[in-house]
Amino acid sequence: MANAQMEIRGGRLCIVKPGPHKFIKHVGEITMSGDQAIKKGKTVLYVTNVGVFRLTKKGMMLIEVMPGVDIEKDILQDCPMQVILPDSGQVPVTPDAIVTGEGFHLGWQTESLT
């Protein structure tokens, strides 16, 4: 969400006042073709303040959500673009350390991208 008011409460992200969603139905200019990336087998990720999205053949999939974000209320209900969930319906929650900074360490896990 652009220009949303957010706070960290108890290690969770709290959206105090939502802002306009960054994902929209139609764009005015194409700077990167998602269709071409998918055709070439590329992994396309969008990391936002509410979660991580992956472009798939089916559409934009929420693959990880920030702790405290209500998927239905904060993402699916108001986002102009259709967001899909994994087949299981379960979206992993980002570790609290991302929000709090406590015990955070940066690591690269390529197996989670396949």
PDB file of N, CA and C in Angstrom:
ATOM      1  N   MET A   1       0.833  -1.184   0.000  1.00  0.00           N
ATOM      2  CA  MET A   1       0.000   0.000   0.000  1.00  0.00           C
ATOM      3  C   MET A   1       0.876   1.246   0.000  1.00  0.00           C
ATOM      4  N   ALA A   2       0.550   2.159  -0.856  1.00  0.00           N
ATOM      5  CA  ALA A   2       1.279   3.424  -0.896  1.00  0.00           C
ATOM      6  C   ALA A   2       0.710   4.372   0.154  1.00  0.00           C
ATOM      7  N   ASN A   3       1.590   5.040   0.880  1.00  0.00           N
ATOM      8  CA  ASN A   3       1.202   6.062   1.857  1.00  0.00           C
ATOM      9  C   ASN A   3       0.286   5.568   2.978  1.00  0.00           C
ATOM     10  N   ALA A   4       0.318   4.292   3.262  1.00  0.00           N
ATOM     11  CA  ALA A   4      -0.478   3.769   4.376  1.00  0.00           C
ATOM     12  C   ALA A   4       0.195   4.154   5.691  1.00  0.00           C
ATOM     13  N   GLN A   5      -0.605   4.299   6.739  1.00  0.00           N
ATOM     14  CA  GLN A   5      -0.058   4.526   8.074  1.00  0.00           C
ATOM     15  C   GLN A   5       0.036   3.164   8.751  1.00  0.00           C
ATOM     16  N   MET A   6       1.252   2.799   9.137  1.00  0.00           N
ATOM     17  CA  MET A   6       1.481   1.498   9.760  1.00  0.00           C
ATOM     18  C   MET A   6       2.272   1.680  11.034  1.00  0.00           C
ATOM     19  N   GLU A   7       2.022   0.768  11.977  1.00  0.00           N
ATOM     20  CA  GLU A   7       2.747   0.758  13.239  1.00  0.00           C
ATOM     21  C   GLU A   7       3.154  -0.674  13.539  1.00  0.00           C
ATOM     22  N   ILE A   8       4.183  -0.793  14.363  1.00  0.00           N
ATOM     23  CA  ILE A   8       4.573  -2.115  14.849  1.00  0.00           C
ATOM     24  C   ILE A   8       4.068  -2.218  16.271  1.00  0.00           C
ATOM     25  N   ARG A   9       3.231  -3.226  16.501  1.00  0.00           N
ATOM     26  CA  ARG A   9       2.653  -3.459  17.833  1.00  0.00           C
ATOM     27  C   ARG A   9       2.860  -4.921  18.198  1.00  0.00           C
ATOM     28  N   GLY A  10       3.596  -5.146  19.266  1.00  0.00           N
ATOM     29  CA  GLY A  10       3.808  -6.524  19.719  1.00  0.00           C
ATOM     30  C   GLY A  10       4.447  -7.413  18.671  1.00  0.00           C
ATOM     31  N   GLY A  11       5.361  -6.854  17.882  1.00  0.00           N
ATOM     32  CA  GLY A  11       6.052  -7.639  16.870  1.00  0.00           C
ATOM     33  C   GLY A  11       5.235  -7.889  15.620  1.00  0.00           C
ATOM     34  N   ARG A  12       4.118  -7.212  15.499  1.00  0.00           N
ATOM     35  CA  ARG A  12       3.231  -7.379  14.349  1.00  0.00           C
ATOM     36  C   ARG A  12       3.059  -6.059  13.626  1.00  0.00           C
ATOM     37  N   LEU A  13       2.868  -6.138  12.325  1.00  0.00           N
ATOM     38  CA  LEU A  13       2.589  -4.957  11.534  1.00  0.00           C
ATOM     39  C   LEU A  13       1.108  -4.639  11.660  1.00  0.00           C
ATOM     40  N   CYS A  14       0.798  -3.428  12.017  1.00  0.00           N
ATOM     41  CA  CYS A  14      -0.597  -3.009  12.170  1.00  0.00           C
ATOM     42  C   CYS A  14      -0.871  -1.895  11.167  1.00  0.00           C
ATOM     43  N   ILE A  15      -1.840  -2.108  10.301  1.00  0.00           N
ATOM     44  CA  ILE A  15      -2.214  -1.088   9.333  1.00  0.00           C
ATOM     45  C   ILE A  15      -3.238  -0.186   9.999  1.00  0.00           C
ATOM     46  N   VAL A  16      -2.804   1.004  10.392  1.00  0.00           N
ATOM     47  CA  VAL A  16      -3.660   1.966  11.085  1.00  0.00           C
ATOM     48  C   VAL A  16      -4.623   2.618  10.102  1.00  0.00           C
ATOM     49  N   LYS A  17      -4.071   3.039   8.981  1.00  0.00           N
ATOM     50  CA  LYS A  17      -4.890   3.664   7.935  1.00  0.00           C
ATOM     51  C   LYS A  17      -4.387   3.137   6.589  1.00  0.00           C
ATOM     52  N   PRO A  18      -5.220   2.359   5.892  1.00  0.00           N
ATOM     53  CA  PRO A  18      -4.783   1.816   4.607  1.00  0.00           C
ATOM     54  C   PRO A  18      -4.522   2.921   3.581  1.00  0.00           C
ATOM     55  N   GLY A  19      -3.654   2.628   2.667  1.00  0.00           N
ATOM     56  CA  GLY A  19      -3.392   3.527   1.549  1.00  0.00           C
ATOM     57  C   GLY A  19      -3.792   2.835   0.261  1.00  0.00           C
ATOM     58  N   PRO A  20      -3.675   3.536  -0.845  1.00  0.00           N
ATOM     59  CA  PRO A  20      -4.008   2.914  -2.134  1.00  0.00           C
ATOM     60  C   PRO A  20      -3.067   1.752  -2.431  1.00  0.00           C
ATOM     61  N   HIS A  21      -3.614   0.707  -3.004  1.00  0.00           N
ATOM     62  CA  HIS A  21      -2.805  -0.462  -3.358  1.00  0.00           C
ATOM     63  C   HIS A  21      -1.877  -0.126  -4.510  1.00  0.00           C
ATOM     64  N   LYS A  22      -0.693  -0.714  -4.485  1.00  0.00           N
ATOM     65  CA  LYS A  22       0.281  -0.494  -5.549  1.00  0.00           C
ATOM     66  C   LYS A  22      -0.046  -1.349  -6.774  1.00  0.00           C
ATOM     67  N   PHE A  23      -0.751  -2.452  -6.568  1.00  0.00           N
ATOM     68  CA  PHE A  23      -1.132  -3.310  -7.687  1.00  0.00           C
ATOM     69  C   PHE A  23      -2.470  -2.831  -8.235  1.00  0.00           C
ATOM     70  N   ILE A  24      -2.513  -2.642  -9.546  1.00  0.00           N
ATOM     71  CA  ILE A  24      -3.720  -2.131 -10.190  1.00  0.00           C
ATOM     72  C   ILE A  24      -4.114  -3.045 -11.343  1.00  0.00           C
ATOM     73  N   LYS A  25      -5.322  -2.848 -11.891  1.00  0.00           N
ATOM     74  CA  LYS A  25      -5.800  -3.694 -12.988  1.00  0.00           C
ATOM     75  C   LYS A  25      -5.085  -3.399 -14.301  1.00  0.00           C
ATOM     76  N   HIS A  26      -4.865  -2.130 -14.593  1.00  0.00           N
ATOM     77  CA  HIS A  26      -4.261  -1.729 -15.865  1.00  0.00           C
ATOM     78  C   HIS A  26      -3.143  -0.724 -15.603  1.00  0.00           C
ATOM     79  N   VAL A  27      -2.095  -0.819 -16.392  1.00  0.00           N
ATOM     80  CA  VAL A  27      -0.979   0.099 -16.253  1.00  0.00           C
ATOM     81  C   VAL A  27      -0.899   1.024 -17.457  1.00  0.00           C
ATOM     82  N   GLY A  28      -0.300   2.180 -17.255  1.00  0.00           N
ATOM     83  CA  GLY A  28      -0.146   3.135 -18.336  1.00  0.00           C
ATOM     84  C   GLY A  28       1.082   2.869 -19.179  1.00  0.00           C
ATOM     85  N   GLU A  29       2.054   2.181 -18.615  1.00  0.00           N
ATOM     86  CA  GLU A  29       3.308   1.931 -19.317  1.00  0.00           C
ATOM     87  C   GLU A  29       3.877   0.590 -18.860  1.00  0.00           C
ATOM     88  N   ILE A  30       4.386  -0.182 -19.783  1.00  0.00           N
ATOM     89  CA  ILE A  30       4.991  -1.467 -19.459  1.00  0.00           C
ATOM     90  C   ILE A  30       6.505  -1.291 -19.461  1.00  0.00           C
ATOM     91  N   THR A  31       7.121  -1.525 -18.304  1.00  0.00           N
ATOM     92  CA  THR A  31       8.568  -1.413 -18.208  1.00  0.00           C
ATOM     93  C   THR A  31       9.235  -2.781 -18.107  1.00  0.00           C
ATOM     94  N   MET A  32       8.445  -3.799 -17.781  1.00  0.00           N
ATOM     95  CA  MET A  32       8.937  -5.172 -17.708  1.00  0.00           C
ATOM     96  C   MET A  32       7.759  -6.072 -18.039  1.00  0.00           C
ATOM     97  N   SER A  33       7.935  -6.949 -18.985  1.00  0.00           N
ATOM     98  CA  SER A  33       6.846  -7.827 -19.399  1.00  0.00           C
ATOM     99  C   SER A  33       6.819  -9.096 -18.556  1.00  0.00           C
ATOM    100  N   GLY A  34       5.805  -9.193 -17.709  1.00  0.00           N
ATOM    101  CA  GLY A  34       5.625 -10.388 -16.910  1.00  0.00           C
ATOM    102  C   GLY A  34       5.360 -11.604 -17.778  1.00  0.00           C
ATOM    103  N   ASP A  35       4.597 -11.425 -18.851  1.00  0.00           N
ATOM    104  CA  ASP A  35       4.303 -12.538 -19.757  1.00  0.00           C
ATOM    105  C   ASP A  35       5.588 -13.116 -20.350  1.00  0.00           C
ATOM    106  N   GLN A  36       6.479 -12.236 -20.778  1.00  0.00           N
ATOM    107  CA  GLN A  36       7.745 -12.699 -21.352  1.00  0.00           C
ATOM    108  C   GLN A  36       8.611 -13.382 -20.298  1.00  0.00           C
ATOM    109  N   ALA A  37       8.619 -12.849 -19.096  1.00  0.00           N
ATOM    110  CA  ALA A  37       9.401 -13.459 -18.015  1.00  0.00           C
ATOM    111  C   ALA A  37       8.903 -14.867 -17.722  1.00  0.00           C
ATOM    112  N   ILE A  38       7.589 -15.032 -17.650  1.00  0.00           N
ATOM    113  CA  ILE A  38       7.009 -16.362 -17.391  1.00  0.00           C
ATOM    114  C   ILE A  38       7.353 -17.315 -18.530  1.00  0.00           C
ATOM    115  N   LYS A  39       7.225 -16.849 -19.769  1.00  0.00           N
ATOM    116  CA  LYS A  39       7.538 -17.695 -20.935  1.00  0.00           C
ATOM    117  C   LYS A  39       8.993 -18.158 -20.915  1.00  0.00           C
ATOM    118  N   LYS A  40       9.889 -17.315 -20.391  1.00  0.00           N
ATOM    119  CA  LYS A  40      11.309 -17.651 -20.335  1.00  0.00           C
ATOM    120  C   LYS A  40      11.679 -18.401 -19.062  1.00  0.00           C
ATOM    121  N   GLY A  41      10.689 -18.712 -18.219  1.00  0.00           N
ATOM    122  CA  GLY A  41      10.945 -19.476 -17.001  1.00  0.00           C
ATOM    123  C   GLY A  41      11.601 -18.681 -15.897  1.00  0.00           C
ATOM    124  N   LYS A  42      11.497 -17.370 -15.943  1.00  0.00           N
ATOM    125  CA  LYS A  42      12.108 -16.505 -14.931  1.00  0.00           C
ATOM    126  C   LYS A  42      11.236 -16.446 -13.677  1.00  0.00           C
ATOM    127  N   THR A  43      11.864 -16.269 -12.535  1.00  0.00           N
ATOM    128  CA  THR A  43      11.151 -16.046 -11.285  1.00  0.00           C
ATOM    129  C   THR A  43      10.982 -14.542 -11.113  1.00  0.00           C
ATOM    130  N   VAL A  44       9.738 -14.113 -10.938  1.00  0.00           N
ATOM    131  CA  VAL A  44       9.450 -12.697 -10.749  1.00  0.00           C
ATOM    132  C   VAL A  44       8.783 -12.528  -9.389  1.00  0.00           C
ATOM    133  N   LEU A  45       9.459 -11.816  -8.487  1.00  0.00           N
ATOM    134  CA  LEU A  45       8.945 -11.575  -7.140  1.00  0.00           C
ATOM    135  C   LEU A  45       8.687 -10.086  -6.951  1.00  0.00           C
ATOM    136  N   TYR A  46       7.641  -9.784  -6.198  1.00  0.00           N
ATOM    137  CA  TYR A  46       7.333  -8.413  -5.814  1.00  0.00           C
ATOM    138  C   TYR A  46       7.287  -8.395  -4.292  1.00  0.00           C
ATOM    139  N   VAL A  47       8.222  -7.699  -3.683  1.00  0.00           N
ATOM    140  CA  VAL A  47       8.293  -7.621  -2.230  1.00  0.00           C
ATOM    141  C   VAL A  47       7.699  -6.278  -1.825  1.00  0.00           C
ATOM    142  N   THR A  48       6.622  -6.324  -1.039  1.00  0.00           N
ATOM    143  CA  THR A  48       5.925  -5.104  -0.639  1.00  0.00           C
ATOM    144  C   THR A  48       5.905  -5.000   0.879  1.00  0.00           C
ATOM    145  N   ASN A  49       5.275  -3.954   1.378  1.00  0.00           N
ATOM    146  CA  ASN A  49       5.180  -3.779   2.825  1.00  0.00           C
ATOM    147  C   ASN A  49       4.158  -4.711   3.471  1.00  0.00           C
ATOM    148  N   VAL A  50       3.342  -5.402   2.712  1.00  0.00           N
ATOM    149  CA  VAL A  50       2.369  -6.341   3.288  1.00  0.00           C
ATOM    150  C   VAL A  50       2.729  -7.800   3.023  1.00  0.00           C
ATOM    151  N   GLY A  51       3.606  -8.056   2.062  1.00  0.00           N
ATOM    152  CA  GLY A  51       3.960  -9.433   1.785  1.00  0.00           C
ATOM    153  C   GLY A  51       4.820  -9.576   0.542  1.00  0.00           C
ATOM    154  N   VAL A  52       5.014 -10.832   0.158  1.00  0.00           N
ATOM    155  CA  VAL A  52       5.789 -11.169  -1.030  1.00  0.00           C
ATOM    156  C   VAL A  52       4.855 -11.850  -2.018  1.00  0.00           C
ATOM    157  N   PHE A  53       4.916 -11.386  -3.260  1.00  0.00           N
ATOM    158  CA  PHE A  53       4.068 -11.910  -4.318  1.00  0.00           C
ATOM    159  C   PHE A  53       4.953 -12.506  -5.397  1.00  0.00           C
ATOM    160  N   ARG A  54       4.459 -13.558  -6.028  1.00  0.00           N
ATOM    161  CA  ARG A  54       5.193 -14.197  -7.123  1.00  0.00           C
ATOM    162  C   ARG A  54       4.291 -14.235  -8.344  1.00  0.00           C
ATOM    163  N   LEU A  55       4.835 -13.819  -9.465  1.00  0.00           N
ATOM    164  CA  LEU A  55       4.090 -13.889 -10.712  1.00  0.00           C
ATOM    165  C   LEU A  55       4.095 -15.333 -11.193  1.00  0.00           C
ATOM    166  N   THR A  56       2.916 -15.876 -11.452  1.00  0.00           N
ATOM    167  CA  THR A  56       2.776 -17.254 -11.931  1.00  0.00           C
ATOM    168  C   THR A  56       1.955 -17.251 -13.211  1.00  0.00           C
ATOM    169  N   LYS A  57       1.850 -18.395 -13.847  1.00  0.00           N
ATOM    170  CA  LYS A  57       1.005 -18.517 -15.046  1.00  0.00           C
ATOM    171  C   LYS A  57      -0.451 -18.230 -14.718  1.00  0.00           C
ATOM    172  N   LYS A  58      -0.851 -18.507 -13.476  1.00  0.00           N
ATOM    173  CA  LYS A  58      -2.233 -18.272 -13.046  1.00  0.00           C
ATOM    174  C   LYS A  58      -2.485 -16.816 -12.666  1.00  0.00           C
ATOM    175  N   GLY A  59      -1.421 -16.083 -12.355  1.00  0.00           N
ATOM    176  CA  GLY A  59      -1.563 -14.690 -11.936  1.00  0.00           C
ATOM    177  C   GLY A  59      -0.626 -14.365 -10.787  1.00  0.00           C
ATOM    178  N   MET A  60      -0.932 -13.281 -10.098  1.00  0.00           N
ATOM    179  CA  MET A  60      -0.093 -12.813  -8.991  1.00  0.00           C
ATOM    180  C   MET A  60      -0.470 -13.569  -7.719  1.00  0.00           C
ATOM    181  N   MET A  61       0.486 -14.333  -7.193  1.00  0.00           N
ATOM    182  CA  MET A  61       0.224 -15.175  -6.023  1.00  0.00           C
ATOM    183  C   MET A  61       0.909 -14.599  -4.790  1.00  0.00           C
ATOM    184  N   LEU A  62       0.169 -14.497  -3.713  1.00  0.00           N
ATOM    185  CA  LEU A  62       0.726 -14.108  -2.421  1.00  0.00           C
ATOM    186  C   LEU A  62       1.431 -15.336  -1.855  1.00  0.00           C
ATOM    187  N   ILE A  63       2.763 -15.248  -1.705  1.00  0.00           N
ATOM    188  CA  ILE A  63       3.510 -16.422  -1.239  1.00  0.00           C
ATOM    189  C   ILE A  63       4.024 -16.265   0.181  1.00  0.00           C
ATOM    190  N   GLU A  64       3.964 -15.049   0.729  1.00  0.00           N
ATOM    191  CA  GLU A  64       4.373 -14.819   2.112  1.00  0.00           C
ATOM    192  C   GLU A  64       3.720 -13.524   2.578  1.00  0.00           C
ATOM    193  N   VAL A  65       3.237 -13.514   3.805  1.00  0.00           N
ATOM    194  CA  VAL A  65       2.545 -12.331   4.330  1.00  0.00           C
ATOM    195  C   VAL A  65       3.255 -11.852   5.595  1.00  0.00           C
ATOM    196  N   MET A  66       3.241 -10.542   5.785  1.00  0.00           N
ATOM    197  CA  MET A  66       3.865  -9.959   6.978  1.00  0.00           C
ATOM    198  C   MET A  66       3.039 -10.312   8.217  1.00  0.00           C
ATOM    199  N   PRO A  67       3.705 -10.548   9.350  1.00  0.00           N
ATOM    200  CA  PRO A  67       2.954 -10.855  10.571  1.00  0.00           C
ATOM    201  C   PRO A  67       2.057  -9.677  10.947  1.00  0.00           C
ATOM    202  N   GLY A  68       0.807  -9.974  11.243  1.00  0.00           N
ATOM    203  CA  GLY A  68      -0.163  -8.941  11.615  1.00  0.00           C
ATOM    204  C   GLY A  68      -1.068  -8.521  10.472  1.00  0.00           C
ATOM    205  N   VAL A  69      -0.698  -8.831   9.237  1.00  0.00           N
ATOM    206  CA  VAL A  69      -1.520  -8.449   8.087  1.00  0.00           C
ATOM    207  C   VAL A  69      -2.643  -9.465   7.927  1.00  0.00           C
ATOM    208  N   ASP A  70      -3.860  -8.970   7.825  1.00  0.00           N
ATOM    209  CA  ASP A  70      -5.034  -9.801   7.592  1.00  0.00           C
ATOM    210  C   ASP A  70      -5.179  -9.957   6.078  1.00  0.00           C
ATOM    211  N   ILE A  71      -4.939 -11.156   5.573  1.00  0.00           N
ATOM    212  CA  ILE A  71      -4.929 -11.380   4.123  1.00  0.00           C
ATOM    213  C   ILE A  71      -6.244 -10.955   3.485  1.00  0.00           C
ATOM    214  N   GLU A  72      -7.340 -11.379   4.045  1.00  0.00           N
ATOM    215  CA  GLU A  72      -8.654 -11.056   3.463  1.00  0.00           C
ATOM    216  C   GLU A  72      -8.907  -9.556   3.510  1.00  0.00           C
ATOM    217  N   LYS A  73      -8.822  -8.966   4.686  1.00  0.00           N
ATOM    218  CA  LYS A  73      -9.173  -7.551   4.874  1.00  0.00           C
ATOM    219  C   LYS A  73      -8.151  -6.605   4.256  1.00  0.00           C
ATOM    220  N   ASP A  74      -6.877  -6.864   4.467  1.00  0.00           N
ATOM    221  CA  ASP A  74      -5.843  -5.922   4.069  1.00  0.00           C
ATOM    222  C   ASP A  74      -5.356  -6.089   2.631  1.00  0.00           C
ATOM    223  N   ILE A  75      -5.580  -7.256   2.042  1.00  0.00           N
ATOM    224  CA  ILE A  75      -5.070  -7.485   0.685  1.00  0.00           C
ATOM    225  C   ILE A  75      -6.194  -7.842  -0.297  1.00  0.00           C
ATOM    226  N   LEU A  76      -6.856  -8.959  -0.070  1.00  0.00           N
ATOM    227  CA  LEU A  76      -7.802  -9.463  -1.066  1.00  0.00           C
ATOM    228  C   LEU A  76      -9.034  -8.587  -1.271  1.00  0.00           C
ATOM    229  N   GLN A  77      -9.566  -8.040  -0.196  1.00  0.00           N
ATOM    230  CA  GLN A  77     -10.811  -7.271  -0.267  1.00  0.00           C
ATOM    231  C   GLN A  77     -10.718  -6.021  -1.133  1.00  0.00           C
ATOM    232  N   ASP A  78      -9.636  -5.284  -1.009  1.00  0.00           N
ATOM    233  CA  ASP A  78      -9.558  -3.972  -1.646  1.00  0.00           C
ATOM    234  C   ASP A  78      -8.599  -3.863  -2.819  1.00  0.00           C
ATOM    235  N   CYS A  79      -7.762  -4.844  -3.035  1.00  0.00           N
ATOM    236  CA  CYS A  79      -6.769  -4.742  -4.105  1.00  0.00           C
ATOM    237  C   CYS A  79      -7.470  -4.811  -5.465  1.00  0.00           C
ATOM    238  N   PRO A  80      -7.272  -3.823  -6.320  1.00  0.00           N
ATOM    239  CA  PRO A  80      -7.911  -3.832  -7.633  1.00  0.00           C
ATOM    240  C   PRO A  80      -7.461  -5.001  -8.508  1.00  0.00           C
ATOM    241  N   MET A  81      -6.224  -5.444  -8.329  1.00  0.00           N
ATOM    242  CA  MET A  81      -5.713  -6.574  -9.090  1.00  0.00           C
ATOM    243  C   MET A  81      -6.115  -7.870  -8.388  1.00  0.00           C
ATOM    244  N   GLN A  82      -6.434  -8.878  -9.154  1.00  0.00           N
ATOM    245  CA  GLN A  82      -6.757 -10.167  -8.552  1.00  0.00           C
ATOM    246  C   GLN A  82      -5.490 -10.814  -8.004  1.00  0.00           C
ATOM    247  N   VAL A  83      -5.529 -11.164  -6.724  1.00  0.00           N
ATOM    248  CA  VAL A  83      -4.426 -11.841  -6.063  1.00  0.00           C
ATOM    249  C   VAL A  83      -4.889 -13.259  -5.767  1.00  0.00           C
ATOM    250  N   ILE A  84      -4.046 -14.232  -6.098  1.00  0.00           N
ATOM    251  CA  ILE A  84      -4.396 -15.621  -5.812  1.00  0.00           C
ATOM    252  C   ILE A  84      -3.545 -16.129  -4.661  1.00  0.00           C
ATOM    253  N   LEU A  85      -4.035 -17.186  -4.043  1.00  0.00           N
ATOM    254  CA  LEU A  85      -3.325 -17.823  -2.929  1.00  0.00           C
ATOM    255  C   LEU A  85      -2.792 -19.168  -3.393  1.00  0.00           C
ATOM    256  N   PRO A  86      -1.810 -19.721  -2.693  1.00  0.00           N
ATOM    257  CA  PRO A  86      -1.329 -21.065  -3.043  1.00  0.00           C
ATOM    258  C   PRO A  86      -2.489 -22.072  -3.025  1.00  0.00           C
ATOM    259  N   ASP A  87      -2.342 -23.161  -3.760  1.00  0.00           N
ATOM    260  CA  ASP A  87      -3.396 -24.175  -3.842  1.00  0.00           C
ATOM    261  C   ASP A  87      -3.864 -24.646  -2.474  1.00  0.00           C
ATOM    262  N   SER A  88      -2.951 -24.684  -1.507  1.00  0.00           N
ATOM    263  CA  SER A  88      -3.303 -25.128  -0.156  1.00  0.00           C
ATOM    264  C   SER A  88      -4.172 -24.099   0.564  1.00  0.00           C
ATOM    265  N   GLY A  89      -4.157 -22.857   0.078  1.00  0.00           N
ATOM    266  CA  GLY A  89      -4.883 -21.782   0.751  1.00  0.00           C
ATOM    267  C   GLY A  89      -4.105 -21.196   1.916  1.00  0.00           C
ATOM    268  N   GLN A  90      -2.981 -21.803   2.234  1.00  0.00           N
ATOM    269  CA  GLN A  90      -2.157 -21.362   3.354  1.00  0.00           C
ATOM    270  C   GLN A  90      -1.007 -20.498   2.852  1.00  0.00           C
ATOM    271  N   VAL A  91      -0.863 -19.322   3.438  1.00  0.00           N
ATOM    272  CA  VAL A  91       0.220 -18.422   3.073  1.00  0.00           C
ATOM    273  C   VAL A  91       1.179 -18.339   4.253  1.00  0.00           C
ATOM    274  N   PRO A  92       2.438 -18.713   4.062  1.00  0.00           N
ATOM    275  CA  PRO A  92       3.399 -18.624   5.156  1.00  0.00           C
ATOM    276  C   PRO A  92       3.532 -17.182   5.663  1.00  0.00           C
ATOM    277  N   VAL A  93       3.758 -17.047   6.960  1.00  0.00           N
ATOM    278  CA  VAL A  93       3.937 -15.739   7.583  1.00  0.00           C
ATOM    279  C   VAL A  93       5.431 -15.462   7.692  1.00  0.00           C
ATOM    280  N   THR A  94       5.830 -14.267   7.279  1.00  0.00           N
ATOM    281  CA  THR A  94       7.213 -13.832   7.386  1.00  0.00           C
ATOM    282  C   THR A  94       7.637 -13.890   8.855  1.00  0.00           C
ATOM    283  N   PRO A  95       8.844 -14.324   9.155  1.00  0.00           N
ATOM    284  CA  PRO A  95       9.288 -14.362  10.551  1.00  0.00           C
ATOM    285  C   PRO A  95       9.193 -12.982  11.223  1.00  0.00           C
ATOM    286  N   ASP A  96       8.818 -12.978  12.501  1.00  0.00           N
ATOM    287  CA  ASP A  96       8.681 -11.729  13.264  1.00  0.00           C
ATOM    288  C   ASP A  96       9.947 -10.880  13.225  1.00  0.00           C
ATOM    289  N   ALA A  97      11.116 -11.513  13.085  1.00  0.00           N
ATOM    290  CA  ALA A  97      12.384 -10.783  13.093  1.00  0.00           C
ATOM    291  C   ALA A  97      12.448  -9.740  11.984  1.00  0.00           C
ATOM    292  N   ILE A  98      11.716  -9.951  10.909  1.00  0.00           N
ATOM    293  CA  ILE A  98      11.687  -8.969   9.819  1.00  0.00           C
ATOM    294  C   ILE A  98      11.061  -7.670  10.324  1.00  0.00           C
ATOM    295  N   VAL A  99      10.067  -7.776  11.182  1.00  0.00           N
ATOM    296  CA  VAL A  99       9.364  -6.603  11.704  1.00  0.00           C
ATOM    297  C   VAL A  99      10.102  -5.999  12.887  1.00  0.00           C
ATOM    298  N   THR A 100      10.523  -6.840  13.804  1.00  0.00           N
ATOM    299  CA  THR A 100      11.118  -6.342  15.046  1.00  0.00           C
ATOM    300  C   THR A 100      12.611  -6.078  14.932  1.00  0.00           C
ATOM    301  N   GLY A 101      13.285  -6.795  14.041  1.00  0.00           N
ATOM    302  CA  GLY A 101      14.745  -6.688  13.927  1.00  0.00           C
ATOM    303  C   GLY A 101      15.476  -7.567  14.922  1.00  0.00           C
ATOM    304  N   GLU A 102      14.752  -8.143  15.884  1.00  0.00           N
ATOM    305  CA  GLU A 102      15.361  -8.985  16.911  1.00  0.00           C
ATOM    306  C   GLU A 102      15.755 -10.338  16.330  1.00  0.00           C
ATOM    307  N   GLY A 103      17.044 -10.632  16.359  1.00  0.00           N
ATOM    308  CA  GLY A 103      17.532 -11.911  15.850  1.00  0.00           C
ATOM    309  C   GLY A 103      17.535 -11.993  14.329  1.00  0.00           C
ATOM    310  N   PHE A 104      17.352 -10.881  13.669  1.00  0.00           N
ATOM    311  CA  PHE A 104      17.299 -10.880  12.206  1.00  0.00           C
ATOM    312  C   PHE A 104      18.679 -11.119  11.613  1.00  0.00           C
ATOM    313  N   HIS A 105      18.737 -11.967  10.603  1.00  0.00           N
ATOM    314  CA  HIS A 105      19.945 -12.119   9.806  1.00  0.00           C
ATOM    315  C   HIS A 105      19.507 -12.361   8.365  1.00  0.00           C
ATOM    316  N   LEU A 106      20.275 -11.818   7.463  1.00  0.00           N
ATOM    317  CA  LEU A 106      19.950 -11.901   6.048  1.00  0.00           C
ATOM    318  C   LEU A 106      20.588 -13.141   5.466  1.00  0.00           C
ATOM    319  N   GLY A 107      19.776 -13.958   4.826  1.00  0.00           N
ATOM    320  CA  GLY A 107      20.278 -15.177   4.194  1.00  0.00           C
ATOM    321  C   GLY A 107      19.581 -15.387   2.877  1.00  0.00           C
ATOM    322  N   TRP A 108      20.200 -16.106   2.007  1.00  0.00           N
ATOM    323  CA  TRP A 108      19.631 -16.357   0.678  1.00  0.00           C
ATOM    324  C   TRP A 108      19.289 -17.830   0.564  1.00  0.00           C
ATOM    325  N   GLN A 109      18.025 -18.121   0.266  1.00  0.00           N
ATOM    326  CA  GLN A 109      17.577 -19.506   0.156  1.00  0.00           C
ATOM    327  C   GLN A 109      17.002 -19.713  -1.227  1.00  0.00           C
ATOM    328  N   THR A 110      17.800 -20.196  -2.142  1.00  0.00           N
ATOM    329  CA  THR A 110      17.342 -20.360  -3.516  1.00  0.00           C
ATOM    330  C   THR A 110      16.307 -21.459  -3.658  1.00  0.00           C
ATOM    331  N   GLU A 111      16.326 -22.449  -2.784  1.00  0.00           N
ATOM    332  CA  GLU A 111      15.358 -23.550  -2.921  1.00  0.00           C
ATOM    333  C   GLU A 111      13.920 -23.081  -2.714  1.00  0.00           C
ATOM    334  N   SER A 112      13.713 -21.990  -1.997  1.00  0.00           N
ATOM    335  CA  SER A 112      12.348 -21.501  -1.781  1.00  0.00           C
ATOM    336  C   SER A 112      11.785 -20.792  -2.999  1.00  0.00           C
ATOM    337  N   LEU A 113      12.620 -20.514  -4.000  1.00  0.00           N
ATOM    338  CA  LEU A 113      12.172 -19.817  -5.200  1.00  0.00           C
ATOM    339  C   LEU A 113      11.755 -20.766  -6.308  1.00  0.00           C
ATOM    340  N   THR A 114      11.989 -22.035  -6.159  1.00  0.00           N
ATOM    341  CA  THR A 114      11.666 -22.965  -7.231  1.00  0.00           C
ATOM    342  C   THR A 114      10.278 -23.507  -7.091  1.00  0.00           C
TER     343      THR A 114
END
